Amino acid sequence: MFRFLMFFVVSSLSFASDYADLQALMGQSFLNGNDPYSSEYVGRRPWTRRLELVENRNGLYLVDNFRHGIQMDSEGEKGQANWSSALIDVSRVQRVVFMLTKFDVINFGPILYRAGHAQMLFEFADGGVMTPSGPVKGIVFSFEVHLKEGEKYSAIWGGLIKGQYETTIVVGTRRDLFEAAKRDMGAFLVDLDLDQAQKQSLLVTSLKHALDKNRHQTVRYHTIKNSCITAQFDIMQEALGTTAHEWVPRKVLKELKSTGLVTEVVELKTGQEIFDFAQNHFADDAVYHGGQAQKQRQLFLELYQD
């Protein structure tokens, strides 16, 4: 018993020391308006980047290029993103939600196709995610095409025939990613019934995929084989050993239910409901502080708040 107590005390002190060290490093990359990563993204859309690992100490991940909100212009269009740092404690993850947003119906050849976008939401106990602006209790992993400025996304020509798009997994606050879905046509929030080891495994695997810059640069987006939906199923397979897989948005819920992991499905029927959900449930999360972000956020809320 004495040895166990000593081990517990030493481990706790070591964790506290590691956390303090990493917290002191948090945000250093972006001090005084600096941005050491900006040159990599010249000519790219300003709201997608690739996550950068600063340091990982025994489940404490300090990362840069963490998205902490988007600055909207006067017409409500996406502008510059607030790129910051985050300190993520894997051991404090509490809840995992598969989020599927709905887009317009598009013509996919002769077929009418309801487009959608898949993301994974992780929520944490207090202290699970810290940013230079304060704590947040949830982060989202969103697989995205990494478009050039002026480049348009095409599910058929660019995503299926030419294979022209690089990819990235944007990691940001839950409020940021939910609010960015304001113009979508609704969403499904699918709670996954996972034990603590499974939640941590899924989070670590998601971080691994987000940090794999070489893959995102070399393996092109493919509407059927390498998309926002298939990427989330790939990560679940690797982390949880599930066999479910799908690429068609309207079939995702059925495929997820086939895993036996679904406990609850909440439907948000409009983009406004997605936005309101974020306002009502994520109010305690820290808002980004820096530059003109506060003024831009107020403008954003005035545009979209009913």
C-alpha atoms as a PDB file:
ATOM      1  CA  MET A   1       0.000   0.000   0.000  1.00  0.00           C
ATOM      2  CA  PHE A   2       2.828   2.389   0.876  1.00  0.00           C
ATOM      3  CA  ARG A   3       4.492   1.779  -2.496  1.00  0.00           C
ATOM      4  CA  PHE A   4       1.192   2.409  -4.272  1.00  0.00           C
ATOM      5  CA  LEU A   5       0.668   5.680  -2.388  1.00  0.00           C
ATOM      6  CA  MET A   6       4.192   6.813  -3.185  1.00  0.00           C
ATOM      7  CA  PHE A   7       3.689   5.956  -6.870  1.00  0.00           C
ATOM      8  CA  PHE A   8       0.398   7.884  -6.894  1.00  0.00           C
ATOM      9  CA  VAL A   9       1.968  10.947  -5.261  1.00  0.00           C
ATOM     10  CA  VAL A  10       5.001  10.940  -7.573  1.00  0.00           C
ATOM     11  CA  SER A  11       2.785  10.450 -10.649  1.00  0.00           C
ATOM     12  CA  SER A  12       0.497  13.291  -9.588  1.00  0.00           C
ATOM     13  CA  LEU A  13       3.417  15.632  -8.989  1.00  0.00           C
ATOM     14  CA  SER A  14       4.938  14.681 -12.343  1.00  0.00           C
ATOM     15  CA  PHE A  15       1.645  15.326 -14.151  1.00  0.00           C
ATOM     16  CA  ALA A  16       1.227  18.696 -12.430  1.00  0.00           C
ATOM     17  CA  SER A  17       4.763  19.661 -13.398  1.00  0.00           C
ATOM     18  CA  ASP A  18       4.229  18.605 -17.027  1.00  0.00           C
ATOM     19  CA  TYR A  19       0.943  20.502 -17.194  1.00  0.00           C
ATOM     20  CA  ALA A  20       2.508  23.673 -15.773  1.00  0.00           C
ATOM     21  CA  ASP A  21       5.430  23.446 -18.211  1.00  0.00           C
ATOM     22  CA  LEU A  22       3.174  23.017 -21.237  1.00  0.00           C
ATOM     23  CA  GLN A  23       0.739  25.675 -20.084  1.00  0.00           C
ATOM     24  CA  ALA A  24       3.651  28.128 -19.896  1.00  0.00           C
ATOM     25  CA  LEU A  25       4.480  27.327 -23.541  1.00  0.00           C
ATOM     26  CA  MET A  26       0.886  27.657 -24.712  1.00  0.00           C
ATOM     27  CA  GLY A  27       0.343  30.514 -27.133  1.00  0.00           C
ATOM     28  CA  GLN A  28       4.029  31.429 -27.380  1.00  0.00           C
ATOM     29  CA  SER A  29       4.032  30.891 -31.139  1.00  0.00           C
ATOM     30  CA  PHE A  30       1.459  33.648 -31.637  1.00  0.00           C
ATOM     31  CA  LEU A  31       2.709  36.275 -29.195  1.00  0.00           C
ATOM     32  CA  ASN A  32       2.750  39.926 -30.296  1.00  0.00           C
ATOM     33  CA  GLY A  33       0.897  39.191 -33.492  1.00  0.00           C
ATOM     34  CA  ASN A  34       3.443  36.643 -34.692  1.00  0.00           C
ATOM     35  CA  ASP A  35       2.343  33.710 -36.829  1.00  0.00           C
ATOM     36  CA  PRO A  36       5.198  31.339 -37.723  1.00  0.00           C
ATOM     37  CA  TYR A  37       2.912  29.198 -39.877  1.00  0.00           C
ATOM     38  CA  SER A  38       1.390  31.884 -42.107  1.00  0.00           C
ATOM     39  CA  SER A  39       3.896  31.458 -44.957  1.00  0.00           C
ATOM     40  CA  GLU A  40       2.740  27.850 -45.448  1.00  0.00           C
ATOM     41  CA  TYR A  41      -0.778  29.020 -46.226  1.00  0.00           C
ATOM     42  CA  VAL A  42      -0.207  31.867 -48.657  1.00  0.00           C
ATOM     43  CA  GLY A  43      -2.721  31.440 -51.459  1.00  0.00           C
ATOM     44  CA  ARG A  44      -4.971  29.155 -49.394  1.00  0.00           C
ATOM     45  CA  ARG A  45      -8.375  29.822 -47.906  1.00  0.00           C
ATOM     46  CA  PRO A  46      -7.659  31.464 -44.547  1.00  0.00           C
ATOM     47  CA  TRP A  47      -9.989  29.306 -42.449  1.00  0.00           C
ATOM     48  CA  THR A  48      -8.305  25.925 -43.014  1.00  0.00           C
ATOM     49  CA  ARG A  49      -4.902  24.902 -41.662  1.00  0.00           C
ATOM     50  CA  ARG A  50      -3.180  21.754 -40.440  1.00  0.00           C
ATOM     51  CA  LEU A  51      -2.691  21.083 -36.767  1.00  0.00           C
ATOM     52  CA  GLU A  52       0.874  21.423 -35.438  1.00  0.00           C
ATOM     53  CA  LEU A  53       2.184  19.426 -32.479  1.00  0.00           C
ATOM     54  CA  VAL A  54       4.311  21.481 -30.101  1.00  0.00           C
ATOM     55  CA  GLU A  55       4.764  18.724 -27.532  1.00  0.00           C
ATOM     56  CA  ASN A  56       3.083  15.571 -26.221  1.00  0.00           C
ATOM     57  CA  ARG A  57       3.776  14.466 -22.674  1.00  0.00           C
ATOM     58  CA  ASN A  58       1.911  11.368 -21.549  1.00  0.00           C
ATOM     59  CA  GLY A  59      -1.475  12.319 -22.928  1.00  0.00           C
ATOM     60  CA  LEU A  60      -1.057  16.091 -22.639  1.00  0.00           C
ATOM     61  CA  TYR A  61      -1.062  17.467 -26.187  1.00  0.00           C
ATOM     62  CA  LEU A  62       0.070  21.039 -26.774  1.00  0.00           C
ATOM     63  CA  VAL A  63      -0.904  22.023 -30.313  1.00  0.00           C
ATOM     64  CA  ASP A  64      -0.774  25.086 -32.546  1.00  0.00           C
ATOM     65  CA  ASN A  65      -3.030  26.020 -35.469  1.00  0.00           C
ATOM     66  CA  PHE A  66      -6.033  25.384 -33.260  1.00  0.00           C
ATOM     67  CA  ARG A  67      -8.985  27.332 -34.659  1.00  0.00           C
ATOM     68  CA  HIS A  68     -10.666  29.541 -32.080  1.00  0.00           C
ATOM     69  CA  GLY A  69     -13.342  31.224 -34.175  1.00  0.00           C
ATOM     70  CA  ILE A  70     -13.687  32.881 -37.563  1.00  0.00           C
ATOM     71  CA  GLN A  71     -13.910  36.598 -38.193  1.00  0.00           C
ATOM     72  CA  MET A  72     -16.897  37.289 -40.443  1.00  0.00           C
ATOM     73  CA  ASP A  73     -17.157  40.206 -42.856  1.00  0.00           C
ATOM     74  CA  SER A  74     -20.056  42.671 -42.990  1.00  0.00           C
ATOM     75  CA  GLU A  75     -22.065  40.310 -45.211  1.00  0.00           C
ATOM     76  CA  GLY A  76     -21.605  37.308 -42.962  1.00  0.00           C
ATOM     77  CA  GLU A  77     -19.019  35.623 -45.173  1.00  0.00           C
ATOM     78  CA  LYS A  78     -16.036  33.762 -43.708  1.00  0.00           C
ATOM     79  CA  GLY A  79     -12.884  35.816 -43.415  1.00  0.00           C
ATOM     80  CA  GLN A  80      -9.748  35.345 -41.339  1.00  0.00           C
ATOM     81  CA  ALA A  81      -9.655  32.609 -38.736  1.00  0.00           C
ATOM     82  CA  ASN A  82      -8.344  33.063 -35.196  1.00  0.00           C
ATOM     83  CA  TRP A  83      -5.418  30.634 -35.051  1.00  0.00           C
ATOM     84  CA  SER A  84      -4.208  29.868 -31.563  1.00  0.00           C
ATOM     85  CA  SER A  85      -2.931  27.087 -29.301  1.00  0.00           C
ATOM     86  CA  ALA A  86      -4.606  24.483 -27.127  1.00  0.00           C
ATOM     87  CA  LEU A  87      -3.498  22.201 -24.314  1.00  0.00           C
ATOM     88  CA  ILE A  88      -5.563  19.001 -24.474  1.00  0.00           C
ATOM     89  CA  ASP A  89      -5.680  16.499 -21.592  1.00  0.00           C
ATOM     90  CA  VAL A  90      -6.754  13.201 -23.156  1.00  0.00           C
ATOM     91  CA  SER A  91      -7.612  11.680 -19.769  1.00  0.00           C
ATOM     92  CA  ARG A  92     -10.424  14.203 -19.230  1.00  0.00           C
ATOM     93  CA  VAL A  93     -12.512  13.415 -22.308  1.00  0.00           C
ATOM     94  CA  GLN A  94     -16.107  12.679 -21.238  1.00  0.00           C
ATOM     95  CA  ARG A  95     -18.373  12.508 -24.279  1.00  0.00           C
ATOM     96  CA  VAL A  96     -18.083  11.775 -28.003  1.00  0.00           C
ATOM     97  CA  VAL A  97     -20.641  12.926 -30.572  1.00  0.00           C
ATOM     98  CA  PHE A  98     -20.660  12.188 -34.297  1.00  0.00           C
ATOM     99  CA  MET A  99     -22.090  15.293 -36.012  1.00  0.00           C
ATOM    100  CA  LEU A 100     -23.580  15.189 -39.504  1.00  0.00           C
ATOM    101  CA  THR A 101     -24.727  18.473 -41.048  1.00  0.00           C
ATOM    102  CA  LYS A 102     -27.070  18.635 -44.053  1.00  0.00           C
ATOM    103  CA  PHE A 103     -26.556  20.674 -47.219  1.00  0.00           C
ATOM    104  CA  ASP A 104     -28.633  21.378 -50.319  1.00  0.00           C
ATOM    105  CA  VAL A 105     -29.697  18.644 -52.721  1.00  0.00           C
ATOM    106  CA  ILE A 106     -27.285  18.543 -55.673  1.00  0.00           C
ATOM    107  CA  ASN A 107     -27.259  16.671 -58.985  1.00  0.00           C
ATOM    108  CA  PHE A 108     -24.786  13.790 -58.762  1.00  0.00           C
ATOM    109  CA  GLY A 109     -25.008  12.701 -62.377  1.00  0.00           C
ATOM    110  CA  PRO A 110     -28.569  11.433 -62.869  1.00  0.00           C
ATOM    111  CA  ILE A 111     -29.097  11.086 -59.099  1.00  0.00           C
ATOM    112  CA  LEU A 112     -30.404  13.729 -56.703  1.00  0.00           C
ATOM    113  CA  TYR A 113     -27.922  13.720 -53.836  1.00  0.00           C
ATOM    114  CA  ARG A 114     -28.327  15.267 -50.382  1.00  0.00           C
ATOM    115  CA  ALA A 115     -24.865  16.518 -49.479  1.00  0.00           C
ATOM    116  CA  GLY A 116     -23.602  16.612 -45.907  1.00  0.00           C
ATOM    117  CA  HIS A 117     -20.548  17.068 -43.730  1.00  0.00           C
ATOM    118  CA  ALA A 118     -19.295  14.818 -40.906  1.00  0.00           C
ATOM    119  CA  GLN A 119     -17.368  15.973 -37.833  1.00  0.00           C
ATOM    120  CA  MET A 120     -16.447  14.469 -34.473  1.00  0.00           C
ATOM    121  CA  LEU A 121     -17.104  16.367 -31.251  1.00  0.00           C
ATOM    122  CA  PHE A 122     -15.228  15.583 -28.026  1.00  0.00           C
ATOM    123  CA  GLU A 123     -16.389  17.116 -24.746  1.00  0.00           C
ATOM    124  CA  PHE A 124     -14.265  17.254 -21.597  1.00  0.00           C
ATOM    125  CA  ALA A 125     -14.383  17.569 -17.841  1.00  0.00           C
ATOM    126  CA  ASP A 126     -13.167  20.850 -16.354  1.00  0.00           C
ATOM    127  CA  GLY A 127      -9.561  21.516 -17.315  1.00  0.00           C
ATOM    128  CA  GLY A 128      -9.650  19.168 -20.277  1.00  0.00           C
ATOM    129  CA  VAL A 129      -8.877  21.844 -22.871  1.00  0.00           C
ATOM    130  CA  MET A 130      -7.096  25.096 -22.111  1.00  0.00           C
ATOM    131  CA  THR A 131      -6.390  27.917 -24.564  1.00  0.00           C
ATOM    132  CA  PRO A 132      -4.585  31.253 -24.124  1.00  0.00           C
ATOM    133  CA  SER A 133      -8.044  32.865 -23.927  1.00  0.00           C
ATOM    134  CA  GLY A 134      -9.284  30.469 -21.259  1.00  0.00           C
ATOM    135  CA  PRO A 135     -10.858  27.010 -20.960  1.00  0.00           C
ATOM    136  CA  VAL A 136     -13.200  25.378 -23.457  1.00  0.00           C
ATOM    137  CA  LYS A 137     -15.099  22.159 -22.787  1.00  0.00           C
ATOM    138  CA  GLY A 138     -15.381  20.810 -26.303  1.00  0.00           C
ATOM    139  CA  ILE A 139     -13.372  20.524 -29.521  1.00  0.00           C
ATOM    140  CA  VAL A 140     -14.341  19.373 -33.011  1.00  0.00           C
ATOM    141  CA  PHE A 141     -12.355  17.500 -35.673  1.00  0.00           C
ATOM    142  CA  SER A 142     -13.493  18.422 -39.181  1.00  0.00           C
ATOM    143  CA  PHE A 143     -11.989  16.793 -42.282  1.00  0.00           C
ATOM    144  CA  GLU A 144     -11.912  19.451 -45.019  1.00  0.00           C
ATOM    145  CA  VAL A 145     -10.718  20.074 -48.553  1.00  0.00           C
ATOM    146  CA  HIS A 146      -7.729  22.421 -48.363  1.00  0.00           C
ATOM    147  CA  LEU A 147      -8.668  24.751 -51.197  1.00  0.00           C
ATOM    148  CA  LYS A 148      -6.591  27.449 -52.810  1.00  0.00           C
ATOM    149  CA  GLU A 149      -7.891  31.007 -52.872  1.00  0.00           C
ATOM    150  CA  GLY A 150     -10.563  31.238 -55.544  1.00  0.00           C
ATOM    151  CA  GLU A 151     -10.736  27.466 -56.013  1.00  0.00           C
ATOM    152  CA  LYS A 152     -14.228  25.970 -56.027  1.00  0.00           C
ATOM    153  CA  TYR A 153     -15.220  22.616 -54.585  1.00  0.00           C
ATOM    154  CA  SER A 154     -16.838  20.106 -56.926  1.00  0.00           C
ATOM    155  CA  ALA A 155     -17.908  16.704 -55.597  1.00  0.00           C
ATOM    156  CA  ILE A 156     -17.848  15.191 -59.096  1.00  0.00           C
ATOM    157  CA  TRP A 157     -15.195  16.955 -61.198  1.00  0.00           C
ATOM    158  CA  GLY A 158     -12.654  17.914 -58.544  1.00  0.00           C
ATOM    159  CA  GLY A 159     -13.443  15.283 -55.920  1.00  0.00           C
ATOM    160  CA  LEU A 160     -14.172  12.216 -58.030  1.00  0.00           C
ATOM    161  CA  ILE A 161     -12.675  12.594 -61.507  1.00  0.00           C
ATOM    162  CA  LYS A 162      -9.586  14.812 -61.180  1.00  0.00           C
ATOM    163  CA  GLY A 163      -8.655  14.182 -57.550  1.00  0.00           C
ATOM    164  CA  GLN A 164      -7.267  17.692 -57.320  1.00  0.00           C
ATOM    165  CA  TYR A 165      -7.783  18.657 -53.676  1.00  0.00           C
ATOM    166  CA  GLU A 166      -5.386  18.401 -50.783  1.00  0.00           C
ATOM    167  CA  THR A 167      -7.023  17.827 -47.400  1.00  0.00           C
ATOM    168  CA  THR A 168      -6.724  18.792 -43.764  1.00  0.00           C
ATOM    169  CA  ILE A 169      -8.445  18.089 -40.481  1.00  0.00           C
ATOM    170  CA  VAL A 170      -9.356  21.398 -38.887  1.00  0.00           C
ATOM    171  CA  VAL A 171      -9.409  21.197 -35.092  1.00  0.00           C
ATOM    172  CA  GLY A 172     -11.183  23.967 -33.253  1.00  0.00           C
ATOM    173  CA  THR A 173     -13.574  24.857 -30.481  1.00  0.00           C
ATOM    174  CA  ARG A 174     -17.047  23.345 -30.560  1.00  0.00           C
ATOM    175  CA  ARG A 175     -18.579  26.820 -30.596  1.00  0.00           C
ATOM    176  CA  ASP A 176     -16.508  27.792 -33.621  1.00  0.00           C
ATOM    177  CA  LEU A 177     -17.401  24.739 -35.695  1.00  0.00           C
ATOM    178  CA  PHE A 178     -21.083  24.806 -34.735  1.00  0.00           C
ATOM    179  CA  GLU A 179     -21.431  28.510 -35.494  1.00  0.00           C
ATOM    180  CA  ALA A 180     -19.690  28.008 -38.836  1.00  0.00           C
ATOM    181  CA  ALA A 181     -22.527  25.592 -39.728  1.00  0.00           C
ATOM    182  CA  LYS A 182     -25.106  28.383 -39.438  1.00  0.00           C
ATOM    183  CA  ARG A 183     -25.791  28.312 -43.183  1.00  0.00           C
ATOM    184  CA  ASP A 184     -26.282  24.542 -43.324  1.00  0.00           C
ATOM    185  CA  MET A 185     -29.739  22.976 -43.482  1.00  0.00           C
ATOM    186  CA  GLY A 186     -29.680  21.234 -40.112  1.00  0.00           C
ATOM    187  CA  ALA A 187     -27.677  18.536 -38.360  1.00  0.00           C
ATOM    188  CA  PHE A 188     -27.833  15.232 -36.532  1.00  0.00           C
ATOM    189  CA  LEU A 189     -25.918  14.883 -33.248  1.00  0.00           C
ATOM    190  CA  VAL A 190     -25.231  11.201 -32.589  1.00  0.00           C
ATOM    191  CA  ASP A 191     -24.040  10.277 -29.094  1.00  0.00           C
ATOM    192  CA  LEU A 192     -21.637   7.326 -29.049  1.00  0.00           C
ATOM    193  CA  ASP A 193     -21.729   4.893 -26.124  1.00  0.00           C
ATOM    194  CA  LEU A 194     -18.035   4.373 -25.375  1.00  0.00           C
ATOM    195  CA  ASP A 195     -16.148   3.449 -22.230  1.00  0.00           C
ATOM    196  CA  GLN A 196     -13.350   5.718 -21.060  1.00  0.00           C
ATOM    197  CA  ALA A 197     -10.602   3.733 -22.772  1.00  0.00           C
ATOM    198  CA  GLN A 198     -12.514   3.882 -26.078  1.00  0.00           C
ATOM    199  CA  LYS A 199     -13.107   7.629 -25.789  1.00  0.00           C
ATOM    200  CA  GLN A 200      -9.434   8.242 -25.186  1.00  0.00           C
ATOM    201  CA  SER A 201      -8.425   5.916 -28.023  1.00  0.00           C
ATOM    202  CA  LEU A 202     -10.751   7.705 -30.443  1.00  0.00           C
ATOM    203  CA  LEU A 203      -9.407  11.102 -29.352  1.00  0.00           C
ATOM    204  CA  VAL A 204      -5.750  10.056 -29.657  1.00  0.00           C
ATOM    205  CA  THR A 205      -6.400   8.499 -33.070  1.00  0.00           C
ATOM    206  CA  SER A 206      -8.189  11.653 -34.214  1.00  0.00           C
ATOM    207  CA  LEU A 207      -5.202  13.730 -33.097  1.00  0.00           C
ATOM    208  CA  LYS A 208      -2.828  11.376 -34.917  1.00  0.00           C
ATOM    209  CA  HIS A 209      -4.755  11.745 -38.163  1.00  0.00           C
ATOM    210  CA  ALA A 210      -5.034  15.525 -37.771  1.00  0.00           C
ATOM    211  CA  LEU A 211      -1.266  15.775 -37.281  1.00  0.00           C
ATOM    212  CA  ASP A 212      -0.406  13.620 -40.322  1.00  0.00           C
ATOM    213  CA  LYS A 213       0.536  16.488 -42.640  1.00  0.00           C
ATOM    214  CA  ASN A 214       2.234  14.248 -45.190  1.00  0.00           C
ATOM    215  CA  ARG A 215      -0.924  12.221 -45.774  1.00  0.00           C
ATOM    216  CA  HIS A 216      -3.047  15.334 -46.140  1.00  0.00           C
ATOM    217  CA  GLN A 217      -0.605  16.738 -48.699  1.00  0.00           C
ATOM    218  CA  THR A 218      -0.230  13.565 -50.768  1.00  0.00           C
ATOM    219  CA  VAL A 219      -3.489  11.564 -50.491  1.00  0.00           C
ATOM    220  CA  ARG A 220      -6.063  13.526 -52.416  1.00  0.00           C
ATOM    221  CA  TYR A 221      -9.670  14.065 -51.450  1.00  0.00           C
ATOM    222  CA  HIS A 222     -12.045  11.559 -53.035  1.00  0.00           C
ATOM    223  CA  THR A 223     -15.812  11.872 -52.755  1.00  0.00           C
ATOM    224  CA  ILE A 224     -16.247   8.114 -52.245  1.00  0.00           C
ATOM    225  CA  LYS A 225     -12.935   6.951 -50.743  1.00  0.00           C
ATOM    226  CA  ASN A 226     -11.409   9.888 -48.822  1.00  0.00           C
ATOM    227  CA  SER A 227     -14.033  12.407 -47.728  1.00  0.00           C
ATOM    228  CA  CYS A 228     -15.200  14.047 -44.514  1.00  0.00           C
ATOM    229  CA  ILE A 229     -17.521  11.079 -43.925  1.00  0.00           C
ATOM    230  CA  THR A 230     -15.185   8.224 -44.839  1.00  0.00           C
ATOM    231  CA  ALA A 231     -12.382   9.812 -42.786  1.00  0.00           C
ATOM    232  CA  GLN A 232     -14.464   9.660 -39.594  1.00  0.00           C
ATOM    233  CA  PHE A 233     -15.386   6.030 -40.237  1.00  0.00           C
ATOM    234  CA  ASP A 234     -11.695   5.236 -40.919  1.00  0.00           C
ATOM    235  CA  ILE A 235     -10.708   6.770 -37.573  1.00  0.00           C
ATOM    236  CA  MET A 236     -13.439   4.814 -35.762  1.00  0.00           C
ATOM    237  CA  GLN A 237     -12.246   1.588 -37.380  1.00  0.00           C
ATOM    238  CA  GLU A 238      -8.655   2.193 -36.312  1.00  0.00           C
ATOM    239  CA  ALA A 239      -9.484   3.274 -32.764  1.00  0.00           C
ATOM    240  CA  LEU A 240     -12.466   1.059 -31.938  1.00  0.00           C
ATOM    241  CA  GLY A 241     -12.218  -1.903 -34.286  1.00  0.00           C
ATOM    242  CA  THR A 242     -15.624  -1.179 -35.841  1.00  0.00           C
ATOM    243  CA  THR A 243     -16.372  -2.378 -39.376  1.00  0.00           C
ATOM    244  CA  ALA A 244     -19.026   0.183 -40.322  1.00  0.00           C
ATOM    245  CA  HIS A 245     -18.184   2.360 -43.322  1.00  0.00           C
ATOM    246  CA  GLU A 246     -20.137   4.724 -45.561  1.00  0.00           C
ATOM    247  CA  TRP A 247     -19.763   7.712 -47.865  1.00  0.00           C
ATOM    248  CA  VAL A 248     -23.385   8.623 -48.667  1.00  0.00           C
ATOM    249  CA  PRO A 249     -24.691  11.194 -46.132  1.00  0.00           C
ATOM    250  CA  ARG A 250     -28.269   9.878 -46.002  1.00  0.00           C
ATOM    251  CA  LYS A 251     -26.981   6.398 -45.067  1.00  0.00           C
ATOM    252  CA  VAL A 252     -24.663   7.516 -42.260  1.00  0.00           C
ATOM    253  CA  LEU A 253     -27.153   7.230 -39.380  1.00  0.00           C
ATOM    254  CA  LYS A 254     -28.141   3.688 -40.323  1.00  0.00           C
ATOM    255  CA  GLU A 255     -24.492   2.689 -40.622  1.00  0.00           C
ATOM    256  CA  LEU A 256     -23.615   4.209 -37.262  1.00  0.00           C
ATOM    257  CA  LYS A 257     -26.530   2.397 -35.605  1.00  0.00           C
ATOM    258  CA  SER A 258     -25.223  -0.889 -37.002  1.00  0.00           C
ATOM    259  CA  THR A 259     -22.211  -0.549 -34.672  1.00  0.00           C
ATOM    260  CA  GLY A 260     -24.441  -0.792 -31.578  1.00  0.00           C
ATOM    261  CA  LEU A 261     -22.717   2.316 -30.208  1.00  0.00           C
ATOM    262  CA  VAL A 262     -25.482   4.871 -30.741  1.00  0.00           C
ATOM    263  CA  THR A 263     -27.331   5.937 -27.585  1.00  0.00           C
ATOM    264  CA  GLU A 264     -29.136   9.088 -28.685  1.00  0.00           C
ATOM    265  CA  VAL A 265     -29.749  11.082 -31.852  1.00  0.00           C
ATOM    266  CA  VAL A 266     -30.675  14.765 -31.652  1.00  0.00           C
ATOM    267  CA  GLU A 267     -31.866  16.441 -34.846  1.00  0.00           C
ATOM    268  CA  LEU A 268     -31.372  20.172 -35.372  1.00  0.00           C
ATOM    269  CA  LYS A 269     -33.649  20.985 -38.287  1.00  0.00           C
ATOM    270  CA  THR A 270     -32.194  24.277 -39.522  1.00  0.00           C
ATOM    271  CA  GLY A 271     -28.946  26.206 -39.550  1.00  0.00           C
ATOM    272  CA  GLN A 272     -30.477  28.606 -37.059  1.00  0.00           C
ATOM    273  CA  GLU A 273     -31.114  25.705 -34.660  1.00  0.00           C
ATOM    274  CA  ILE A 274     -27.444  24.706 -34.938  1.00  0.00           C
ATOM    275  CA  PHE A 275     -26.416  28.257 -34.116  1.00  0.00           C
ATOM    276  CA  ASP A 276     -28.896  28.517 -31.229  1.00  0.00           C
ATOM    277  CA  PHE A 277     -27.718  25.177 -29.860  1.00  0.00           C
ATOM    278  CA  ALA A 278     -24.176  26.541 -29.659  1.00  0.00           C
ATOM    279  CA  GLN A 279     -25.363  29.724 -27.974  1.00  0.00           C
ATOM    280  CA  ASN A 280     -27.431  27.817 -25.405  1.00  0.00           C
ATOM    281  CA  HIS A 281     -25.025  24.967 -24.607  1.00  0.00           C
ATOM    282  CA  PHE A 282     -21.527  26.373 -25.129  1.00  0.00           C
ATOM    283  CA  ALA A 283     -21.864  29.747 -23.414  1.00  0.00           C
ATOM    284  CA  ASP A 284     -19.197  28.914 -20.804  1.00  0.00           C
ATOM    285  CA  ASP A 285     -16.475  28.290 -23.376  1.00  0.00           C
ATOM    286  CA  ALA A 286     -13.840  30.996 -23.616  1.00  0.00           C
ATOM    287  CA  VAL A 287     -14.108  33.364 -26.567  1.00  0.00           C
ATOM    288  CA  TYR A 288     -10.931  34.214 -28.439  1.00  0.00           C
ATOM    289  CA  HIS A 289      -9.191  37.396 -27.279  1.00  0.00           C
ATOM    290  CA  GLY A 290      -6.860  39.142 -29.664  1.00  0.00           C
ATOM    291  CA  GLY A 291      -6.680  41.747 -32.403  1.00  0.00           C
ATOM    292  CA  GLN A 292     -10.057  42.721 -33.822  1.00  0.00           C
ATOM    293  CA  ALA A 293     -11.627  39.379 -32.903  1.00  0.00           C
ATOM    294  CA  GLN A 294     -13.969  40.774 -30.251  1.00  0.00           C
ATOM    295  CA  LYS A 295     -15.410  43.408 -32.583  1.00  0.00           C
ATOM    296  CA  GLN A 296     -15.721  40.861 -35.381  1.00  0.00           C
ATOM    297  CA  ARG A 297     -17.504  38.429 -33.085  1.00  0.00           C
ATOM    298  CA  GLN A 298     -20.015  41.072 -32.030  1.00  0.00           C
ATOM    299  CA  LEU A 299     -20.711  41.783 -35.692  1.00  0.00           C
ATOM    300  CA  PHE A 300     -21.175  38.059 -36.303  1.00  0.00           C
ATOM    301  CA  LEU A 301     -23.678  37.747 -33.453  1.00  0.00           C
ATOM    302  CA  GLU A 302     -25.622  40.785 -34.667  1.00  0.00           C
ATOM    303  CA  LEU A 303     -25.880  39.230 -38.117  1.00  0.00           C
ATOM    304  CA  TYR A 304     -27.023  35.812 -37.008  1.00  0.00           C
ATOM    305  CA  GLN A 305     -28.722  36.094 -33.634  1.00  0.00           C
ATOM    306  CA  ASP A 306     -32.514  36.091 -33.919  1.00  0.00           C
END
